[in-house]
């Protein structure tokens, strides 16, 4: 964190320390402006140039890989459907029972799957989707929309293939353009190819989401995450200088000290305590720290991979949040009882900066500072 953002956070910490009656004065150490990276973002690629149709389709497939059954679930709850006569079979029901539920891949589909080296994933994906019973319900509720629900089912199978292939060892990528070829082949075999057109409304929805949400989110995520990653990489080169700057700041503070640190600052303060703990430091508090992860990687500068904490290591409170992708547990790595889980219920990027706003954070810190060693 840099300049104005750091000062704002420090003010927030001071306010919370007063609110929770912490027996201390708060002093900052702004090492990032001195030794952190300068990042202009020149290496971040621009977003791909796509037509509205291409953007909508790309984001539709992205969404379907998260939930392959998304469209089928919608088809299971028909709205405003005309009542059927007793015993009447709609075109969509007939399509399912008479053709699709009995479908076996033909020569052409198998040739396509073999050429793209994804044949091993087709049958399993088909069975997974069918086993949910959603296709049968979707076709039963689709009425005259047999072609549209057929496309929804085909896309569900292909999206499941994409998901399963991504989890394989090694992972196999099935790009959307290959997925659409498989969908088109299925619709041709089911005699629905000329009718199953993705509706303009659906394209507008996914295209609008891409324009107003996904693109800005991706660009923002790159710019938000890159400096944090850059500081971690820079720390590998000049970690000793950063730790020395922090140590000098601590040495200039009279009386007992509790060190409160966040993210990379938690790595630096943790390693400083491993190297040589200042005598008047009574506790280390880390939030959203990657020290446990780096120890698993064997990437800490002061503690070898697999090594235990040194004897007499300072009392430690490690705050982590499962929503924060940059926070890690210490207990299972260091065989200690340092961890305290908090839950901000926010998205990953926001979660990494949310610790100081949570009452449970400050309750844990107060308990830690006032408990008997």
Protein backbone atom coordinates (compact mmCIF):
# COMPACT_ATOMS: atom_id res chain seq x y z
CA UNK A 1 0.00 0.00 0.00
CA UNK A 2 1.23 3.45 -0.87
CA UNK A 3 0.98 7.05 0.42
CA UNK A 4 -2.62 8.32 0.78
CA UNK A 5 -4.08 4.81 0.90
CA UNK A 6 -1.68 3.86 3.69
CA UNK A 7 -2.50 6.96 5.74
CA UNK A 8 -6.22 6.29 5.36
CA UNK A 9 -5.76 2.72 6.53
CA UNK A 10 -3.62 3.84 9.45
CA UNK A 11 -6.35 6.29 10.52
CA UNK A 12 -8.85 3.45 10.34
CA UNK A 13 -6.60 1.25 12.51
CA UNK A 14 -6.19 4.03 15.07
CA UNK A 15 -9.96 4.50 15.24
CA UNK A 16 -10.56 0.78 15.72
CA UNK A 17 -7.81 0.54 18.35
CA UNK A 18 -9.55 3.29 20.30
CA UNK A 19 -13.00 1.73 19.79
CA UNK A 20 -11.82 -1.62 21.16
CA UNK A 21 -9.81 -0.07 24.01
CA UNK A 22 -6.50 -1.53 22.94
CA UNK A 23 -3.77 -0.58 25.43
CA UNK A 24 -1.42 0.91 22.86
CA UNK A 25 -0.43 3.77 20.60
CA UNK A 26 -0.36 3.11 16.84
CA UNK A 27 2.76 3.92 14.84
CA UNK A 28 3.19 3.22 11.11
CA UNK A 29 6.07 2.02 8.94
CA UNK A 30 5.54 3.02 5.31
CA UNK A 31 8.17 0.82 3.67
CA UNK A 32 6.27 0.43 0.40
CA UNK A 33 6.91 3.98 -0.83
CA UNK A 34 10.62 3.59 -0.06
CA UNK A 35 11.43 0.06 -1.21
CA UNK A 36 8.30 -1.20 -3.04
CA UNK A 37 7.95 -1.42 -6.81
CA UNK A 38 6.97 1.40 -9.17
CA UNK A 39 4.31 -0.08 -11.44
CA UNK A 40 2.86 1.76 -14.45
CA UNK A 41 0.98 -1.24 -15.86
CA UNK A 42 2.67 -1.05 -19.27
CA UNK A 43 2.95 -4.85 -19.47
CA UNK A 44 -0.77 -5.53 -18.99
CA UNK A 45 -2.34 -6.58 -22.33
CA UNK A 46 -5.35 -4.76 -23.72
CA UNK A 47 -8.63 -6.62 -23.72
CA UNK A 48 -9.29 -8.64 -26.92
CA UNK A 49 -11.09 -6.82 -29.72
CA UNK A 50 -14.31 -8.72 -30.40
CA UNK A 51 -17.63 -8.05 -32.00
CA UNK A 52 -20.66 -7.86 -29.73
CA UNK A 53 -21.69 -11.34 -30.87
CA UNK A 54 -18.23 -12.81 -30.20
CA UNK A 55 -18.07 -11.17 -26.78
CA UNK A 56 -21.50 -12.46 -25.82
CA UNK A 57 -20.72 -16.00 -26.92
CA UNK A 58 -17.34 -16.06 -25.18
CA UNK A 59 -18.83 -14.94 -21.90
CA UNK A 60 -21.76 -17.30 -22.26
CA UNK A 61 -19.36 -20.25 -22.49
CA UNK A 62 -17.37 -18.90 -19.58
CA UNK A 63 -20.52 -18.80 -17.48
CA UNK A 64 -21.68 -22.24 -18.60
CA UNK A 65 -18.36 -23.76 -17.55
CA UNK A 66 -19.06 -22.50 -14.03
CA UNK A 67 -22.59 -23.95 -14.09
CA UNK A 68 -23.19 -26.23 -17.11
CA UNK A 69 -26.81 -26.75 -16.03
CA UNK A 70 -27.70 -23.05 -15.84
CA UNK A 71 -29.96 -22.94 -18.93
CA UNK A 72 -31.55 -26.32 -18.27
CA UNK A 73 -32.61 -25.17 -14.82
CA UNK A 74 -34.39 -22.22 -16.38
CA UNK A 75 -36.24 -24.49 -18.80
CA UNK A 76 -37.49 -26.55 -15.87
CA UNK A 77 -39.67 -23.67 -14.66
CA UNK A 78 -41.86 -22.68 -17.63
CA UNK A 79 -43.70 -19.39 -17.31
CA UNK A 80 -47.12 -18.81 -18.86
CA UNK A 81 -47.23 -22.15 -20.67
CA UNK A 82 -50.54 -23.19 -22.20
CA UNK A 83 -52.21 -26.07 -20.34
CA UNK A 84 -51.85 -29.46 -22.03
CA UNK A 85 -54.62 -31.91 -22.63
CA UNK A 86 -54.39 -35.14 -20.66
CA UNK A 87 -52.03 -37.52 -22.43
CA UNK A 88 -50.82 -34.89 -24.89
CA UNK A 89 -47.13 -35.01 -25.87
CA UNK A 90 -45.52 -31.72 -26.84
CA UNK A 91 -42.93 -31.49 -29.64
CA UNK A 92 -40.14 -30.98 -27.10
CA UNK A 93 -41.16 -34.05 -25.09
CA UNK A 94 -41.35 -36.11 -28.26
CA UNK A 95 -37.89 -34.89 -29.31
CA UNK A 96 -36.43 -36.00 -25.97
CA UNK A 97 -38.13 -39.38 -25.64
CA UNK A 98 -38.08 -40.31 -29.31
CA UNK A 99 -34.65 -39.11 -30.38
CA UNK A 100 -32.25 -37.37 -28.00
CA UNK A 101 -32.55 -39.66 -24.95
CA UNK A 102 -31.67 -42.60 -27.23
CA UNK A 103 -28.89 -40.82 -29.06
CA UNK A 104 -25.62 -42.57 -29.82
CA UNK A 105 -22.74 -40.62 -31.40
CA UNK A 106 -22.41 -41.32 -35.11
CA UNK A 107 -19.35 -41.54 -37.34
CA UNK A 108 -19.20 -37.79 -37.92
CA UNK A 109 -19.36 -36.77 -34.25
CA UNK A 110 -16.82 -39.41 -33.23
CA UNK A 111 -14.51 -38.19 -36.00
CA UNK A 112 -14.82 -34.62 -34.71
CA UNK A 113 -14.20 -35.66 -31.10
CA UNK A 114 -11.21 -37.79 -32.13
CA UNK A 115 -9.71 -35.03 -34.26
CA UNK A 116 -9.90 -32.57 -31.36
CA UNK A 117 -8.70 -35.28 -28.91
CA UNK A 118 -11.68 -34.82 -26.58
CA UNK A 119 -13.60 -38.05 -27.20
CA UNK A 120 -12.83 -39.44 -23.70
CA UNK A 121 -14.85 -36.61 -22.14
CA UNK A 122 -18.07 -36.87 -24.17
CA UNK A 123 -19.78 -39.92 -22.69
CA UNK A 124 -18.98 -38.98 -19.10
CA UNK A 125 -20.28 -35.42 -19.59
CA UNK A 126 -23.45 -36.69 -21.26
CA UNK A 127 -24.12 -39.12 -18.42
CA UNK A 128 -23.43 -36.47 -15.78
CA UNK A 129 -25.95 -34.06 -17.27
CA UNK A 130 -28.60 -36.73 -17.90
CA UNK A 131 -28.21 -38.12 -14.37
CA UNK A 132 -29.44 -34.84 -12.91
CA UNK A 133 -32.90 -35.51 -14.46
CA UNK A 134 -32.93 -31.87 -15.55
CA UNK A 135 -32.97 -32.60 -19.31
CA UNK A 136 -36.13 -34.65 -19.02
CA UNK A 137 -37.81 -31.93 -16.96
CA UNK A 138 -36.57 -29.19 -19.30
CA UNK A 139 -37.91 -30.89 -22.43
CA UNK A 140 -41.19 -31.59 -20.62
CA UNK A 141 -41.58 -27.90 -19.82
CA UNK A 142 -40.42 -26.47 -23.16
CA UNK A 143 -43.70 -26.97 -25.05
CA UNK A 144 -43.21 -25.85 -28.66
CA UNK A 145 -39.66 -24.62 -28.01
CA UNK A 146 -38.09 -27.97 -28.89
CA UNK A 147 -35.20 -26.49 -30.89
CA UNK A 148 -34.21 -24.00 -28.19
CA UNK A 149 -34.22 -26.54 -25.35
CA UNK A 150 -32.25 -28.93 -27.58
CA UNK A 151 -29.53 -26.30 -27.91
CA UNK A 152 -29.57 -25.72 -24.16
CA UNK A 153 -29.04 -29.45 -23.56
CA UNK A 154 -26.27 -29.71 -26.14
CA UNK A 155 -24.47 -26.72 -24.64
CA UNK A 156 -24.85 -28.21 -21.15
CA UNK A 157 -23.14 -31.42 -22.29
CA UNK A 158 -20.31 -29.51 -23.98
CA UNK A 159 -19.87 -27.17 -21.00
CA UNK A 160 -19.64 -30.24 -18.76
CA UNK A 161 -17.01 -31.63 -21.14
CA UNK A 162 -15.04 -28.38 -20.79
CA UNK A 163 -15.26 -28.57 -17.02
CA UNK A 164 -14.25 -32.24 -16.84
CA UNK A 165 -11.38 -31.73 -19.29
CA UNK A 166 -10.03 -28.82 -17.26
CA UNK A 167 -9.91 -31.10 -14.18
CA UNK A 168 -8.08 -33.91 -15.99
CA UNK A 169 -4.42 -34.73 -15.36
CA UNK A 170 -2.95 -33.10 -17.35
CA UNK A 171 -5.71 -30.54 -18.01
CA UNK A 172 -7.15 -30.45 -21.53
CA UNK A 173 -8.47 -27.19 -22.99
CA UNK A 174 -11.66 -27.24 -25.08
CA UNK A 175 -11.97 -23.72 -26.56
CA UNK A 176 -15.46 -22.34 -27.30
CA UNK A 177 -15.03 -22.61 -31.07
CA UNK A 178 -14.50 -26.37 -30.71
CA UNK A 179 -17.41 -26.57 -28.29
CA UNK A 180 -19.67 -24.85 -30.81
CA UNK A 181 -18.66 -27.33 -33.49
CA UNK A 182 -19.74 -30.17 -31.20
CA UNK A 183 -23.02 -28.40 -30.43
CA UNK A 184 -23.69 -27.85 -34.15
CA UNK A 185 -23.00 -31.52 -34.89
CA UNK A 186 -25.40 -32.64 -32.16
CA UNK A 187 -28.14 -30.33 -33.42
CA UNK A 188 -27.61 -31.60 -36.97
CA UNK A 189 -27.94 -35.19 -35.80
CA UNK A 190 -31.14 -34.27 -33.94
CA UNK A 191 -32.47 -32.41 -37.01
CA UNK A 192 -32.62 -29.10 -35.10
CA UNK A 193 -29.74 -27.22 -36.71
CA UNK A 194 -31.80 -24.73 -38.73
CA UNK A 195 -34.09 -23.86 -35.81
CA UNK A 196 -31.87 -23.70 -32.71
CA UNK A 197 -30.64 -20.12 -32.86
CA UNK A 198 -29.41 -18.33 -29.78
CA UNK A 199 -31.97 -15.64 -29.11
CA UNK A 200 -31.03 -11.98 -29.55
CA UNK A 201 -32.09 -11.28 -25.96
CA UNK A 202 -29.59 -13.81 -24.61
CA UNK A 203 -26.83 -12.33 -26.74
CA UNK A 204 -27.68 -8.85 -25.50
CA UNK A 205 -27.61 -10.02 -21.89
CA UNK A 206 -24.19 -11.68 -22.10
CA UNK A 207 -22.81 -8.90 -24.31
CA UNK A 208 -24.01 -6.27 -21.84
CA UNK A 209 -22.50 -8.14 -18.91
CA UNK A 210 -19.17 -8.30 -20.74
CA UNK A 211 -19.18 -4.59 -21.51
CA UNK A 212 -20.33 -3.27 -18.13
CA UNK A 213 -18.96 -5.87 -15.69
CA UNK A 214 -16.46 -8.43 -16.94
CA UNK A 215 -14.07 -6.30 -18.96
CA UNK A 216 -13.69 -3.56 -16.32
CA UNK A 217 -13.42 -6.25 -13.63
CA UNK A 218 -10.62 -8.06 -15.46
CA UNK A 219 -8.70 -4.88 -16.15
CA UNK A 220 -9.17 -3.74 -12.55
CA UNK A 221 -8.12 -7.13 -11.23
CA UNK A 222 -4.89 -7.05 -13.23
CA UNK A 223 -3.98 -3.60 -12.00
CA UNK A 224 -4.94 -4.42 -8.41
CA UNK A 225 -3.10 -7.74 -8.18
CA UNK A 226 0.02 -6.92 -10.19
CA UNK A 227 1.57 -4.50 -7.65
CA UNK A 228 1.07 -6.99 -4.82
CA UNK A 229 2.71 -9.76 -6.83
CA UNK A 230 5.45 -7.36 -7.92
CA UNK A 231 6.22 -6.39 -4.33
CA UNK A 232 6.47 -10.07 -3.36
CA UNK A 233 8.92 -10.73 -6.20
CA UNK A 234 10.91 -7.62 -5.31
CA UNK A 235 11.02 -8.80 -1.71
CA UNK A 236 12.88 -11.89 -2.87
CA UNK A 237 15.62 -9.58 -4.13
CA UNK A 238 15.81 -6.95 -1.35
CA UNK A 239 14.04 -8.63 1.57
CA UNK A 240 16.96 -7.92 3.89
CA UNK A 241 16.71 -4.16 3.27
CA UNK A 242 12.95 -4.18 3.94
CA UNK A 243 13.38 -6.12 7.18
CA UNK A 244 16.16 -3.78 8.32
CA UNK A 245 13.99 -0.72 7.69
CA UNK A 246 11.17 -2.24 9.77
CA UNK A 247 13.60 -3.25 12.52
CA UNK A 248 14.95 0.30 12.80
CA UNK A 249 11.41 1.64 13.08
CA UNK A 250 10.64 -0.83 15.89
CA UNK A 251 13.90 -0.07 17.69
CA UNK A 252 12.88 3.59 17.86
CA UNK A 253 9.64 2.82 19.71
CA UNK A 254 9.92 2.77 23.54
CA UNK A 255 8.19 0.16 25.69
CA UNK A 256 6.51 -3.09 24.67
CA UNK A 257 5.62 -3.47 20.99
CA UNK A 258 3.02 -5.57 19.17
CA UNK A 259 3.80 -5.72 15.45
CA UNK A 260 0.68 -5.48 13.24
CA UNK A 261 1.34 -6.36 9.60
CA UNK A 262 -0.60 -7.03 6.40
CA UNK A 263 0.10 -9.10 3.28
CA UNK A 264 3.78 -8.82 2.25
CA UNK A 265 4.43 -6.81 5.40
CA UNK A 266 3.45 -9.97 7.26
CA UNK A 267 6.12 -11.94 5.41
CA UNK A 268 8.78 -9.36 6.18
CA UNK A 269 7.83 -9.09 9.87
CA UNK A 270 7.58 -12.88 10.24
CA UNK A 271 11.06 -13.36 8.76
CA UNK A 272 12.44 -10.55 10.91
CA UNK A 273 11.22 -12.45 13.99
CA UNK A 274 12.86 -15.63 12.70
CA UNK A 275 16.16 -13.83 12.10
CA UNK A 276 16.39 -11.93 15.36
CA UNK A 277 13.43 -10.89 17.44
CA UNK A 278 13.70 -7.41 18.95
CA UNK A 279 13.63 -7.92 22.70
CA UNK A 280 10.72 -5.56 23.40
CA UNK A 281 8.40 -7.13 20.78
CA UNK A 282 5.71 -9.04 22.69
CA UNK A 283 3.61 -10.27 19.80
CA UNK A 284 3.34 -10.55 16.01
CA UNK A 285 -0.02 -10.08 14.27
CA UNK A 286 -0.28 -10.89 10.56
CA UNK A 287 -3.34 -10.47 8.34
CA UNK A 288 -3.68 -11.76 4.80
CA UNK A 289 -0.10 -13.02 4.87
CA UNK A 290 1.59 -15.36 2.40
CA UNK A 291 4.35 -16.49 4.79
CA UNK A 292 2.87 -20.01 5.22
CA UNK A 293 2.60 -20.44 1.44
CA UNK A 294 6.18 -19.31 0.83
CA UNK A 295 7.38 -21.73 3.52
CA UNK A 296 5.64 -24.58 1.71
CA UNK A 297 7.35 -23.44 -1.49
CA UNK A 298 10.73 -23.30 0.27
CA UNK A 299 10.85 -19.61 -0.74
CA UNK A 300 11.36 -17.92 2.64
CA UNK A 301 14.78 -16.34 3.06
CA UNK A 302 15.21 -17.11 6.76
CA UNK A 303 13.59 -20.53 7.27
CA UNK A 304 14.34 -23.62 5.23
CA UNK A 305 11.52 -25.63 3.71
CA UNK A 306 10.01 -27.95 6.32
CA UNK A 307 11.89 -26.34 9.22
CA UNK A 308 9.99 -25.63 12.42
CA UNK A 309 9.71 -22.23 14.06
CA UNK A 310 12.80 -21.41 16.12
CA UNK A 311 12.67 -21.88 19.88
CA UNK A 312 11.39 -18.80 21.64
CA UNK A 313 9.59 -17.51 18.53
CA UNK A 314 7.40 -14.54 19.39
CA UNK A 315 3.71 -15.04 20.21
CA UNK A 316 1.85 -14.97 16.92
CA UNK A 317 -1.70 -14.26 15.74
CA UNK A 318 -2.34 -15.01 12.06
CA UNK A 319 -5.63 -13.70 10.66
CA UNK A 320 -6.88 -15.32 7.48
CA UNK A 321 -10.07 -15.10 5.44
CA UNK A 322 -11.13 -17.82 3.03
CA UNK A 323 -12.54 -15.11 0.75
CA UNK A 324 -9.04 -13.58 0.48
CA UNK A 325 -6.99 -15.47 -2.11
CA UNK A 326 -3.78 -13.97 -0.71
CA UNK A 327 -4.21 -15.22 2.87
CA UNK A 328 -3.02 -18.58 4.18
CA UNK A 329 -3.23 -20.76 7.27
CA UNK A 330 -0.17 -21.14 9.47
CA UNK A 331 -1.19 -23.92 11.85
CA UNK A 332 -0.81 -26.84 9.45
CA UNK A 333 2.47 -25.52 8.06
CA UNK A 334 4.26 -24.45 11.24
CA UNK A 335 2.53 -26.80 13.72
CA UNK A 336 1.39 -23.84 15.81
CA UNK A 337 -1.85 -22.36 17.09
CA UNK A 338 -1.48 -18.91 15.58
CA UNK A 339 -4.53 -18.89 13.30
CA UNK A 340 -7.79 -17.01 13.64
CA UNK A 341 -10.31 -17.17 10.80
CA UNK A 342 -12.43 -14.14 9.92
CA UNK A 343 -15.13 -13.80 7.28
CA UNK A 344 -15.75 -10.51 5.50
CA UNK A 345 -18.20 -12.08 2.99
CA UNK A 346 -16.70 -9.97 0.19
CA UNK A 347 -15.15 -10.80 -3.24
CA UNK A 348 -11.45 -11.79 -3.27
CA UNK A 349 -9.90 -8.44 -4.22
CA UNK A 350 -11.95 -6.52 -1.66
CA UNK A 351 -11.46 -9.23 0.97
CA UNK A 352 -7.69 -8.73 1.02
CA UNK A 353 -8.15 -5.16 2.28
CA UNK A 354 -11.15 -5.73 4.54
CA UNK A 355 -9.49 -7.03 7.72
CA UNK A 356 -9.32 -3.69 9.50
CA UNK A 357 -13.06 -3.05 8.99
CA UNK A 358 -14.16 -6.24 10.76
CA UNK A 359 -15.10 -6.26 14.43
CA UNK A 360 -14.03 -9.89 14.67
CA UNK A 361 -10.52 -8.85 13.60
CA UNK A 362 -10.27 -6.37 16.44
CA UNK A 363 -11.84 -8.71 18.97
CA UNK A 364 -9.16 -11.27 18.11
CA UNK A 365 -6.40 -8.64 18.35
CA UNK A 366 -7.67 -7.36 21.72
CA UNK A 367 -7.87 -10.91 23.11
CA UNK A 368 -4.36 -11.60 21.83
CA UNK A 369 -2.84 -8.42 23.28
CA UNK A 370 -4.50 -8.70 26.69
CA UNK A 371 -4.10 -12.44 27.24
CA UNK A 372 -1.37 -13.78 29.51
CA UNK A 373 1.63 -15.12 27.56
